[in-house]
Structure formats: structure tokens, C-alpha cells
Amino acid sequence: MPTLVPRKGTMAQRTLALQMMLLGLLTRGEAVSMEATVKLGRKTIKEGQQVYRAHFGLRGRRGERAKTKVIHKTAYFGSVEIGTPKQTFQVVFDSGSGNLLVPASDCNSEACMAHARYNQTESSSMHRVHCDGVQDSGDAQDEVSILFGTGEVWGRCIHDQICLGPVCYPGSFIAATYETKSPFMSFNFDGVLGLALPSMSQGSMFNTMERLKETQRLHQTLYSVFLSSSESEVEISEITFGSIKTSHMASELHWVPVSRDTGYWEVRIADITIDDHPQELCANCHVAVDTGTSELAGPSDVIDELAERLHVLTDCSNYQQLPRLGFLIGERILNLEPHDYVDKSAEGCQVSLMPLNVPPPKGPLFVFGIPFMEKFYTVYDNVNKQVGFAVAKHVGDSPGHAAAVMSQLSASVKNSSWNREGHRHEDGDAPPPWAERGKKWLRHLFVQHLKPAEPM
């Protein structure tokens, strides 16, 4: 989640009468119920390139700003149009942040100059708004400072017409007046369209799904994401607003309620499994399903223990015998296969989950990023506050693939002393063997969550 800090700026304001007239024009007329599908392009940074990690929803401690080698480094992005007449931008559709952000035409930093920039003077439907989300008649001269992972953005707040394919709505967004070179200069896309729940946005006018719900533009107030598992043109990655496409599903949808009011699409993990066997590693963990994160991440001690139990040899000699790694979520096990959780390269093999230590009460927290999204078709229901998971249907999947990827606990495990809270004590009340390690883990949980965070 980006952190937003008020700043002062100078900008001539349109009159109140003109603002109200434009707002009336944008909202006038009967609501039309429809859907919109946006095709997504894919960019993968190749192994060996030096890049900056950029997690739009979450970040680690401030010291983690050094360049690092990342193999699972992929972004998916598509088009959004803003203004009258329409100006087109390529954005990441990010379930882990809450606002739309694009560069402004008067942003002269190197990162902005390398991308398409929004020109507010060329849009007849534009007016300035306050960055605290309040829509009133006062001067809207304030700006915000936004922390995004390893970078920072300043921007003013604008209200204008926003279009996702054929679906348009009046909404507010941030037009960046400054962007740091790292990491924004290296991005193939111009900005970010946040699709998190409303509490993560500046206000309801900034939240895309809230605006679509209020204007009744969609069949259903939800969106769904399908990401291709290959570079081939055979499969087209896409995000669909307003409907669920069963053609992308190899299984039924498994619905899970959002577990906490953090703004993330966050659900509870009952336990972690290896080849469908519970490991008693994460009795009260949560996971944020984040389309804007390129990796899988989790608590460092849990990941360290998993690495031991998975026994991934650095020379890759046992790669073909590695087990499935699963997450027990709402009585279903969502499994990852070795190619999903192992970085295999000329240098060898290693578990690719990134350490991310978020202290209680918000942690322990996992993040399911792109490798998970390529495995599962996901649906985000704003009305019922739930996330749907189905095994993604990919070209070339073998028969029985879906049943192995999304499985159930065996009857013998369900009937054992293991319960749905993820606890099992077969020897009376003796604590599980990882409890002492857990105490050490808690002593070292000093990494802060991105919201709130002091300005840099």
C-alpha cells in the first residue's frame, strides 16, 4: 500500500459552477450494465539482470534498497483511458494498492519523461479535487507524496472520465508531478491502477470498484484475472470487470471470505501442506492476493523451515522428485508445483519464496504474487468481500491436473487431532517442535508494514 502525505502546490482552479456542470455531465443518464475485458501484456526481466524489487502493495525494511537478482520478475499491464478526449496509458492492474496513478504532463523527472503523460489542460471533463478524498467547493491545491516499494512519487489529485474498455465512469486519480528514477524508469508501463478494497484508497471517489458500483456500470461489482503461464500468443492474459469467465477455469470456484479489514484482498491460511500433508507451520497466518507483486513472499522463519522440509538441492539433482507445496485455505489445498516455487537456473536451484516479516497483529503474512496468479484464476467480489479461486485452464494441461492443483484434505487427516485452526498436539499439551523457533522469530519481527509509514 502506498503511503500518502499531504503537500502544498499551486494550480489555477476551475470555478465551482464549471466543476458542478462537468460532474453533472459525467454522471447524467441511465446506468448501463455491462462488462469490460482488458488484454494484458507481459514483461519478464531475464535471469541475471540487476533490478529493483518493486512491490506495489507491500515493502520490507528501508535497508532493502540495494539491487538484487530476481528471477521471478514479471509484470502484466494493460490500457486505461482518461479524459475527454481520451488519453491512453498502460497500467499495472494492482489488487494490492488503492488508487489510479499516472504521470502528469508537467512532470519533468526522467522517469515521467520516459512514459505517456496525462495533460489535464486537454481534457474538457477534468477538475481538481482534494487529495484527502473530500469532494467540496474549496480550493483543491494540495498534493500527495506516495511511497511505492523502492521509489517515491509526488502528485496532484484530479477528477475526470476514466475508461476500462467500453466501460467509463467519473473518478478521481493521482497525476504524478515527480517520480524517482528507481524503479519507475525501468517500467514498461506508465502507471498503476489500484484495485484494492476501499479502505486503501484516498476516498470512495478514488476507488475504481466503488465508482463502478455507484454508477452501476457492471453486471456484477467484481473483477477476475487470468494470467497466461507461458510467453506464447496461444493464451491471452486478461482482466475482466463485471463477470466471471468459466472458459478460463479448470475447476469450480472456491470462495473464501476476506479475513480482515486491511484493504488487501486478504484471506486466512489454516496451514501449509507438502503433498497434501499439513505441516503445522502457519496456524494463524493470512495471505494477501496481490496482482502487483512479482514474487511469492512469506515470514522468513516459515520459509526457512519450508526450505529444509522441501529439501531442494542446489544442484537441482532432485528437481523431478520435489513435492507439491500447498496452502490450506477454506478447506481446500491450493498447490504449487516445483516450477512455481523453485528458481531453477544455470547457477542451480533454490526456493524462490521471498522473506517478508510483518509483525502481529497484521502478520504473519504471506503474499501470493504472479507465480500464484499464473496457476489460479482469481475473482475479487467487492460486494460480498470474498475472493474466488479456480485452477486456471492452460493449453497443454494434462488430465487430472486440476484435481492435483486444488485438492482436499484426506478423511484420515480430517479425523485426526489436527483441526481447522491448524493445531495438532498428539502428545498431550506438548507444544509443536517449531514453537521455540517461533519465539525467536517473534523477537526478530521488526519489519514494518507499508501502511502506515513515515515519509522518506
Protein backbone atom coordinates (compact mmCIF):
# COMPACT_ATOMS: atom_id res chain seq x y z
CA MET A 1 0.00 0.00 0.00
CA PRO A 2 1.45 3.40 -0.93
CA THR A 3 1.77 5.93 1.89
CA LEU A 4 0.25 9.32 1.17
CA VAL A 5 1.48 12.58 2.73
CA PRO A 6 -0.23 15.96 2.06
CA ARG A 7 1.87 18.60 0.29
CA LYS A 8 1.08 22.10 -0.90
CA GLY A 9 1.10 23.14 -4.54
CA THR A 10 -0.13 25.88 -6.86
CA MET A 11 -2.64 25.38 -9.66
CA ALA A 12 -5.37 27.58 -11.14
CA GLN A 13 -8.79 26.23 -10.22
CA ARG A 14 -11.89 25.96 -12.36
CA THR A 15 -14.94 27.75 -10.97
CA LEU A 16 -17.39 25.86 -8.80
CA ALA A 17 -20.09 26.23 -11.42
CA LEU A 18 -17.91 24.62 -14.06
CA GLN A 19 -16.91 21.84 -11.67
CA MET A 20 -20.54 21.04 -10.88
CA MET A 21 -21.53 21.21 -14.54
CA LEU A 22 -18.77 18.79 -15.52
CA LEU A 23 -19.63 16.41 -12.70
CA GLY A 24 -23.26 16.53 -13.79
CA LEU A 25 -22.33 15.74 -17.36
CA LEU A 26 -20.26 12.78 -16.25
CA THR A 27 -22.97 11.23 -14.10
CA ARG A 28 -26.03 12.14 -16.16
CA GLY A 29 -28.02 9.49 -17.96
CA GLU A 30 -29.16 5.96 -17.25
CA ALA A 31 -26.78 3.37 -15.91
CA VAL A 32 -25.76 0.70 -18.40
CA SER A 33 -24.91 -2.74 -17.06
CA MET A 34 -22.08 -4.37 -18.98
CA GLU A 35 -18.62 -5.91 -18.69
CA ALA A 36 -15.15 -4.90 -19.82
CA THR A 37 -12.19 -7.14 -20.63
CA VAL A 38 -8.72 -5.61 -20.89
CA LYS A 39 -5.97 -7.64 -22.53
CA LEU A 40 -2.73 -7.71 -20.58
CA GLY A 41 0.77 -7.56 -21.96
CA ARG A 42 3.60 -9.32 -20.14
CA LYS A 43 7.17 -8.26 -19.45
CA THR A 44 9.64 -10.60 -17.77
CA ILE A 45 13.08 -9.46 -16.70
CA LYS A 46 15.52 -12.18 -17.65
CA GLU A 47 17.71 -14.06 -15.24
CA GLY A 48 20.93 -12.29 -14.38
CA GLN A 49 19.67 -8.74 -14.93
CA GLN A 50 20.09 -6.41 -11.98
CA VAL A 51 16.74 -4.90 -11.00
CA TYR A 52 14.97 -3.25 -8.08
CA ARG A 53 12.24 -5.18 -6.35
CA ALA A 54 9.02 -3.22 -6.63
CA HIS A 55 6.09 -4.44 -4.55
CA PHE A 56 3.21 -2.05 -5.01
CA GLY A 57 1.26 -3.26 -2.01
CA LEU A 58 3.97 -4.24 0.44
CA ARG A 59 7.61 -3.50 1.14
CA GLY A 60 10.28 -4.58 3.57
CA ARG A 61 12.53 -2.52 5.77
CA ARG A 62 14.20 0.62 4.49
CA GLY A 63 17.56 -1.08 4.27
CA GLU A 64 16.28 -3.33 1.49
CA ARG A 65 17.04 -0.84 -1.29
CA ALA A 66 20.09 -2.50 -2.76
CA LYS A 67 19.95 -4.04 -6.21
CA THR A 68 19.27 -7.75 -6.15
CA LYS A 69 18.95 -10.55 -8.64
CA VAL A 70 15.36 -11.64 -9.16
CA ILE A 71 14.36 -14.46 -11.50
CA HIS A 72 10.59 -14.42 -10.91
CA LYS A 73 10.25 -10.78 -12.03
CA THR A 74 7.20 -10.37 -14.21
CA ALA A 75 4.63 -7.63 -14.69
CA TYR A 76 1.31 -7.72 -16.53
CA PHE A 77 -0.20 -4.46 -17.74
CA GLY A 78 -3.00 -3.17 -19.97
CA SER A 79 -4.71 0.00 -21.19
CA VAL A 80 -6.80 2.56 -19.36
CA GLU A 81 -8.13 5.78 -20.93
CA ILE A 82 -8.55 9.07 -19.10
CA GLY A 83 -10.14 12.39 -20.05
CA THR A 84 -12.21 13.94 -22.84
CA PRO A 85 -10.94 13.28 -25.46
CA LYS A 86 -9.40 10.05 -24.21
CA GLN A 87 -5.70 9.80 -23.35
CA THR A 88 -4.34 6.23 -23.22
CA PHE A 89 -1.99 4.81 -20.60
CA GLN A 90 -0.51 1.40 -19.87
CA VAL A 91 -1.02 0.46 -16.22
CA VAL A 92 -0.49 -2.47 -13.88
CA PHE A 93 -3.87 -3.59 -12.52
CA ASP A 94 -2.82 -3.90 -8.90
CA SER A 95 -5.02 -5.62 -6.31
CA GLY A 96 -2.53 -4.53 -3.63
CA SER A 97 -2.99 -0.74 -3.86
CA GLY A 98 -5.98 1.57 -3.92
CA ASN A 99 -5.51 4.48 -6.35
CA LEU A 100 -5.01 5.14 -10.04
CA LEU A 101 -1.66 6.84 -10.68
CA VAL A 102 -0.26 8.14 -14.00
CA PRO A 103 2.43 10.76 -14.83
CA ALA A 104 1.31 14.36 -15.37
CA SER A 105 2.36 16.37 -18.44
CA ASP A 106 4.28 18.85 -16.26
CA CYS A 107 6.31 16.07 -14.62
CA ASN A 108 9.81 16.57 -15.98
CA SER A 109 11.65 13.93 -14.00
CA GLU A 110 13.46 11.35 -16.12
CA ALA A 111 11.04 8.56 -15.19
CA CYS A 112 7.98 10.59 -16.21
CA MET A 113 9.55 11.70 -19.47
CA ALA A 114 10.03 8.06 -20.47
CA HIS A 115 6.27 7.37 -20.31
CA ALA A 116 2.93 8.67 -21.53
CA ARG A 117 1.83 11.70 -19.50
CA TYR A 118 -1.66 12.97 -18.69
CA ASN A 119 -2.37 16.51 -19.94
CA GLN A 120 -5.16 17.97 -17.85
CA THR A 121 -5.41 21.12 -19.99
CA GLU A 122 -6.53 18.98 -22.93
CA SER A 123 -9.42 17.33 -21.08
CA SER A 124 -12.75 19.16 -21.02
CA SER A 125 -14.05 16.89 -18.25
CA MET A 126 -11.22 17.49 -15.73
CA HIS A 127 -11.29 19.30 -12.42
CA ARG A 128 -9.02 19.31 -9.36
CA VAL A 129 -10.09 17.63 -6.12
CA HIS A 130 -8.71 17.39 -2.62
CA CYS A 131 -6.28 14.54 -2.02
CA ASP A 132 -7.97 13.55 1.23
CA GLY A 133 -10.92 12.31 -0.79
CA VAL A 134 -13.25 15.15 0.27
CA GLN A 135 -15.28 16.49 -2.65
CA ASP A 136 -16.24 20.09 -1.87
CA SER A 137 -16.11 23.58 -3.33
CA GLY A 138 -12.90 24.70 -1.65
CA ASP A 139 -9.56 25.17 -3.38
CA ALA A 140 -8.00 21.81 -4.19
CA GLN A 141 -4.36 22.84 -4.21
CA ASP A 142 -2.90 20.03 -2.14
CA GLU A 143 -0.70 17.24 -3.42
CA VAL A 144 0.43 13.90 -2.03
CA SER A 145 3.72 12.10 -1.59
CA ILE A 146 3.46 8.38 -2.28
CA LEU A 147 5.88 5.61 -1.32
CA PHE A 148 5.85 2.68 -3.76
CA GLY A 149 8.20 -0.09 -2.70
CA THR A 150 11.67 1.23 -3.52
CA GLY A 151 10.55 4.55 -5.02
CA GLU A 152 8.60 7.72 -4.38
CA VAL A 153 6.06 9.79 -6.31
CA TRP A 154 4.55 13.25 -5.77
CA GLY A 155 1.26 14.15 -7.40
CA ARG A 156 -1.89 16.25 -7.55
CA CYS A 157 -5.41 14.86 -7.39
CA ILE A 158 -7.70 15.04 -10.40
CA HIS A 159 -11.29 14.08 -11.19
CA ASP A 160 -12.00 13.03 -14.77
CA GLN A 161 -13.59 10.45 -17.02
CA ILE A 162 -11.88 7.03 -16.74
CA CYS A 163 -12.50 4.20 -19.20
CA LEU A 164 -11.75 0.47 -18.98
CA GLY A 165 -12.51 -0.72 -22.50
CA PRO A 166 -16.17 0.17 -23.18
CA VAL A 167 -16.95 0.88 -19.51
CA CYS A 168 -16.43 4.52 -18.44
CA TYR A 169 -17.02 6.18 -15.10
CA PRO A 170 -16.23 9.50 -13.37
CA GLY A 171 -13.46 9.02 -10.84
CA SER A 172 -10.53 10.60 -9.07
CA PHE A 173 -6.86 9.72 -9.53
CA ILE A 174 -3.33 10.96 -8.87
CA ALA A 175 -1.38 12.73 -11.61
CA ALA A 176 2.32 12.39 -10.71
CA THR A 177 4.36 15.60 -10.81
CA TYR A 178 7.58 13.82 -9.78
CA GLU A 179 8.81 10.21 -9.88
CA THR A 180 12.12 8.83 -8.68
CA LYS A 181 14.29 7.24 -11.36
CA SER A 182 14.34 3.94 -9.46
CA PRO A 183 12.32 1.92 -10.04
CA PHE A 184 9.94 3.83 -12.32
CA MET A 185 12.43 4.48 -15.11
CA SER A 186 12.74 0.75 -15.83
CA PHE A 187 8.99 0.11 -16.06
CA ASN A 188 7.39 -0.75 -19.39
CA PHE A 189 4.10 0.64 -18.14
CA ASP A 190 3.11 4.23 -17.37
CA GLY A 191 1.32 3.84 -14.05
CA VAL A 192 -0.69 1.75 -11.62
CA LEU A 193 -4.43 1.21 -11.30
CA GLY A 194 -5.13 0.12 -7.73
CA LEU A 195 -7.96 -2.39 -7.25
CA ALA A 196 -7.72 -2.98 -3.50
CA LEU A 197 -10.70 -2.63 -1.18
CA PRO A 198 -11.95 0.91 -0.37
CA SER A 199 -10.04 1.41 2.89
CA MET A 200 -6.80 1.51 0.91
CA SER A 201 -7.91 4.35 -1.37
CA GLN A 202 -7.81 8.11 -0.74
CA GLY A 203 -11.59 8.04 -0.68
CA SER A 204 -14.53 6.37 -2.40
CA MET A 205 -14.13 8.61 -5.47
CA PHE A 206 -10.58 7.21 -5.90
CA ASN A 207 -11.61 3.55 -5.65
CA THR A 208 -12.30 2.08 -9.08
CA MET A 209 -14.67 -0.69 -7.99
CA GLU A 210 -16.62 1.63 -5.67
CA ARG A 211 -17.12 4.07 -8.54
CA LEU A 212 -18.24 1.27 -10.85
CA LYS A 213 -20.65 0.04 -8.18
CA GLU A 214 -22.09 3.50 -7.52
CA THR A 215 -22.55 4.23 -11.22
CA GLN A 216 -23.97 0.72 -11.86
CA ARG A 217 -21.82 0.23 -14.92
CA LEU A 218 -21.19 -3.50 -14.44
CA HIS A 219 -23.28 -6.69 -14.45
CA GLN A 220 -21.60 -7.56 -11.14
CA THR A 221 -19.29 -5.48 -8.96
CA LEU A 222 -16.33 -7.80 -9.24
CA TYR A 223 -13.31 -8.41 -11.41
CA SER A 224 -11.45 -11.53 -12.43
CA VAL A 225 -7.85 -12.15 -13.51
CA PHE A 226 -6.42 -14.75 -15.88
CA LEU A 227 -2.66 -14.81 -16.46
CA SER A 228 -1.05 -16.97 -19.11
CA SER A 229 1.57 -19.42 -17.88
CA SER A 230 3.71 -19.05 -21.00
CA GLU A 231 5.12 -16.42 -23.34
CA SER A 232 3.07 -17.88 -26.19
CA GLU A 233 0.42 -15.94 -28.05
CA VAL A 234 -1.81 -19.02 -27.76
CA GLU A 235 -3.12 -17.73 -24.43
CA ILE A 236 -4.11 -14.12 -23.85
CA SER A 237 -3.81 -12.76 -20.31
CA GLU A 238 -6.70 -10.52 -19.32
CA ILE A 239 -8.60 -8.81 -16.54
CA THR A 240 -12.39 -8.76 -16.78
CA PHE A 241 -14.59 -6.27 -14.95
CA GLY A 242 -18.19 -7.31 -14.29
CA SER A 243 -18.20 -11.04 -14.99
CA ILE A 244 -16.56 -14.42 -14.43
CA LYS A 245 -15.26 -16.34 -17.45
CA THR A 246 -15.69 -20.06 -16.93
CA SER A 247 -13.66 -20.66 -20.10
CA HIS A 248 -10.57 -19.83 -18.03
CA MET A 249 -11.47 -22.28 -15.23
CA ALA A 250 -10.37 -25.91 -14.95
CA SER A 251 -12.25 -26.34 -11.65
CA GLU A 252 -15.19 -24.87 -9.77
CA LEU A 253 -14.68 -21.57 -7.99
CA HIS A 254 -13.68 -21.89 -4.34
CA TRP A 255 -14.93 -18.81 -2.48
CA VAL A 256 -13.14 -17.59 0.65
CA PRO A 257 -14.16 -14.54 2.73
CA VAL A 258 -11.80 -11.62 3.16
CA SER A 259 -10.40 -12.22 6.63
CA ARG A 260 -9.51 -8.72 7.85
CA ASP A 261 -10.26 -5.09 7.06
CA THR A 262 -6.77 -4.07 5.92
CA GLY A 263 -7.74 -3.03 2.41
CA TYR A 264 -5.94 -6.03 0.91
CA TRP A 265 -7.70 -8.98 -0.67
CA GLU A 266 -6.55 -10.99 2.28
CA VAL A 267 -7.70 -14.48 3.33
CA ARG A 268 -6.74 -16.81 6.14
CA ILE A 269 -4.32 -19.73 5.81
CA ALA A 270 -5.17 -22.67 8.11
CA ASP A 271 -1.85 -24.42 7.42
CA ILE A 272 0.83 -25.19 4.86
CA THR A 273 0.99 -28.65 3.27
CA ILE A 274 3.57 -30.76 1.48
CA ASP A 275 1.98 -33.26 -0.88
CA ASP A 276 -1.34 -32.58 0.90
CA HIS A 277 0.05 -33.31 4.39
CA PRO A 278 -0.34 -30.45 6.94
CA GLN A 279 2.98 -29.20 8.30
CA GLU A 280 1.77 -27.20 11.35
CA LEU A 281 3.77 -24.22 10.19
CA CYS A 282 1.22 -21.44 9.94
CA ALA A 283 -1.69 -21.79 12.34
CA ASN A 284 -2.81 -18.15 12.22
CA CYS A 285 -1.35 -16.75 9.02
CA HIS A 286 -3.01 -14.60 6.39
CA VAL A 287 -2.22 -14.12 2.73
CA ALA A 288 -2.69 -11.05 0.53
CA VAL A 289 -3.58 -11.97 -3.05
CA ASP A 290 -1.60 -9.32 -4.93
CA THR A 291 -1.57 -8.93 -8.71
CA GLY A 292 1.03 -6.15 -8.38
CA THR A 293 3.75 -8.29 -6.79
CA SER A 294 6.09 -10.34 -8.93
CA GLU A 295 7.01 -12.94 -6.32
CA LEU A 296 5.72 -15.23 -3.59
CA ALA A 297 6.59 -13.98 -0.12
CA GLY A 298 6.18 -15.07 3.48
CA PRO A 299 7.61 -14.94 7.02
CA SER A 300 11.34 -15.66 6.94
CA ASP A 301 11.30 -18.38 9.62
CA VAL A 302 8.46 -20.20 7.93
CA ILE A 303 10.25 -20.00 4.59
CA ASP A 304 13.50 -21.22 6.15
CA GLU A 305 11.69 -24.19 7.69
CA LEU A 306 9.91 -24.90 4.42
CA ALA A 307 13.22 -24.86 2.56
CA GLU A 308 14.51 -27.55 4.92
CA ARG A 309 11.41 -29.72 4.57
CA LEU A 310 11.18 -29.35 0.79
CA HIS A 311 14.86 -30.29 0.57
CA VAL A 312 15.57 -28.50 -2.72
CA LEU A 313 19.15 -29.46 -3.64
CA THR A 314 21.21 -26.60 -5.01
CA ASP A 315 22.50 -28.76 -7.87
CA CYS A 316 18.88 -29.48 -8.95
CA SER A 317 19.55 -33.23 -8.89
CA ASN A 318 16.23 -33.94 -7.11
CA TYR A 319 14.14 -31.38 -9.00
CA GLN A 320 11.93 -34.00 -10.66
CA GLN A 321 11.14 -35.61 -7.30
CA LEU A 322 10.19 -32.42 -5.45
CA PRO A 323 6.74 -32.37 -3.79
CA ARG A 324 3.79 -30.05 -4.21
CA LEU A 325 3.73 -27.08 -1.82
CA GLY A 326 0.19 -26.25 -0.71
CA PHE A 327 -1.75 -23.71 1.32
CA LEU A 328 -4.85 -24.85 3.17
CA ILE A 329 -7.42 -22.13 2.60
CA GLY A 330 -11.08 -22.65 3.45
CA GLU A 331 -10.92 -26.49 3.41
CA ARG A 332 -9.19 -26.61 0.04
CA ILE A 333 -5.48 -27.04 -0.58
CA LEU A 334 -4.12 -24.70 -3.25
CA ASN A 335 -0.98 -26.35 -4.52
CA LEU A 336 2.14 -25.00 -6.19
CA GLU A 337 4.34 -27.29 -8.24
CA PRO A 338 8.16 -27.19 -8.18
CA HIS A 339 8.42 -24.85 -11.15
CA ASP A 340 6.19 -22.40 -9.24
CA TYR A 341 8.23 -22.23 -6.04
CA VAL A 342 11.78 -23.03 -7.21
CA ASP A 343 14.16 -20.77 -9.11
CA LYS A 344 15.97 -23.11 -11.50
CA SER A 345 18.86 -21.61 -13.43
CA ALA A 346 22.34 -22.38 -14.70
CA GLU A 347 23.57 -21.47 -11.22
CA GLY A 348 21.41 -24.13 -9.55
CA CYS A 349 18.10 -24.41 -7.69
CA GLN A 350 16.71 -22.60 -4.68
CA VAL A 351 13.33 -21.96 -3.07
CA SER A 352 12.05 -18.72 -4.60
CA LEU A 353 9.79 -17.51 -1.78
CA MET A 354 10.94 -14.06 -0.64
CA PRO A 355 11.25 -13.33 3.10
CA LEU A 356 8.69 -10.75 4.27
CA ASN A 357 8.38 -10.26 8.02
CA VAL A 358 5.24 -8.41 9.08
CA PRO A 359 4.76 -8.30 12.87
CA PRO A 360 1.48 -9.10 14.66
CA PRO A 361 -1.30 -8.16 14.60
CA LYS A 362 -1.01 -7.76 10.79
CA GLY A 363 1.38 -10.66 10.47
CA PRO A 364 2.43 -13.34 9.92
CA LEU A 365 1.54 -12.53 6.33
CA PHE A 366 2.13 -14.25 3.02
CA VAL A 367 1.82 -12.60 -0.37
CA PHE A 368 0.62 -14.54 -3.40
CA GLY A 369 2.08 -12.75 -6.43
CA ILE A 370 2.49 -13.54 -10.12
CA PRO A 371 3.62 -17.21 -9.81
CA PHE A 372 0.40 -17.94 -7.91
CA MET A 373 -1.73 -15.88 -10.32
CA GLU A 374 -0.44 -17.90 -13.25
CA LYS A 375 -1.59 -21.07 -11.50
CA PHE A 376 -5.04 -19.92 -10.32
CA TYR A 377 -7.84 -17.92 -11.89
CA THR A 378 -8.87 -15.39 -9.25
CA VAL A 379 -12.08 -13.41 -8.73
CA TYR A 380 -12.45 -10.36 -6.45
CA ASP A 381 -16.00 -9.69 -5.22
CA ASN A 382 -16.37 -6.19 -3.77
CA VAL A 383 -19.99 -6.61 -2.69
CA ASN A 384 -19.61 -9.82 -0.69
CA LYS A 385 -15.97 -9.18 0.30
CA GLN A 386 -14.69 -12.54 -0.88
CA VAL A 387 -12.05 -13.99 -3.18
CA GLY A 388 -12.73 -16.85 -5.58
CA PHE A 389 -10.02 -19.34 -6.59
CA ALA A 390 -10.22 -21.77 -9.51
CA VAL A 391 -7.47 -23.74 -11.17
CA ALA A 392 -6.55 -21.78 -14.31
CA LYS A 393 -7.17 -23.61 -17.57
CA HIS A 394 -3.99 -23.54 -19.65
CA VAL A 395 -3.20 -25.02 -23.02
CA GLY A 396 -1.42 -28.36 -22.65
CA ASP A 397 -2.55 -29.20 -19.10
CA SER A 398 -2.67 -32.93 -18.53
CA PRO A 399 -5.85 -34.82 -17.50
CA GLY A 400 -6.26 -34.75 -13.75
CA HIS A 401 -4.10 -31.63 -13.44
CA ALA A 402 -6.85 -29.56 -11.79
CA ALA A 403 -7.55 -32.18 -9.11
CA ALA A 404 -3.87 -32.21 -8.13
CA VAL A 405 -3.56 -28.42 -8.06
CA MET A 406 -6.67 -27.84 -5.93
CA SER A 407 -7.16 -30.78 -3.58
CA GLN A 408 -8.86 -31.62 -0.29
CA LEU A 409 -7.57 -32.96 2.99
CA SER A 410 -7.88 -36.72 3.22
CA ALA A 411 -10.54 -38.12 5.55
CA SER A 412 -7.86 -39.59 7.82
CA VAL A 413 -6.30 -36.16 8.36
CA LYS A 414 -9.67 -34.51 8.95
CA ASN A 415 -10.50 -37.10 11.61
CA SER A 416 -7.14 -36.77 13.36
CA SER A 417 -6.40 -34.43 16.23
CA TRP A 418 -5.45 -31.81 13.61
CA ASN A 419 -8.23 -29.23 13.42
CA ARG A 420 -9.19 -26.37 11.20
CA GLU A 421 -7.32 -23.89 13.32
CA GLY A 422 -4.12 -25.55 12.16
CA HIS A 423 -3.17 -27.05 15.54
CA ARG A 424 -2.39 -30.66 16.33
CA HIS A 425 -0.96 -31.97 19.62
CA GLU A 426 -0.65 -35.72 19.51
CA ASP A 427 1.38 -35.85 22.74
CA GLY A 428 -0.95 -34.22 25.22
CA ASP A 429 -0.43 -30.49 25.51
CA ALA A 430 3.20 -30.52 24.44
CA PRO A 431 3.94 -27.67 22.06
CA PRO A 432 4.85 -28.50 18.46
CA PRO A 433 8.57 -28.63 17.64
CA TRP A 434 8.53 -25.29 15.83
CA ALA A 435 7.21 -23.34 18.86
CA GLU A 436 10.64 -22.47 20.24
CA ARG A 437 11.77 -21.28 16.82
CA GLY A 438 8.57 -19.23 16.72
CA LYS A 439 9.61 -17.37 19.87
CA LYS A 440 12.90 -16.46 18.26
CA TRP A 441 11.02 -15.40 15.13
CA LEU A 442 8.79 -13.04 17.12
CA ARG A 443 11.85 -11.39 18.69
CA HIS A 444 13.10 -10.52 15.24
CA LEU A 445 9.86 -9.28 13.69
CA PHE A 446 10.91 -5.66 13.21
CA VAL A 447 9.96 -5.13 9.58
CA GLN A 448 7.14 -2.63 9.22
CA HIS A 449 4.08 -2.88 7.03
CA LEU A 450 3.82 -0.19 4.39
CA LYS A 451 0.72 1.36 5.93
CA PRO A 452 1.35 3.44 7.89
CA ALA A 453 4.92 4.50 7.16
CA GLU A 454 6.70 7.74 7.74
CA PRO A 455 7.56 9.76 4.60
CA MET A 456 11.03 9.22 3.15
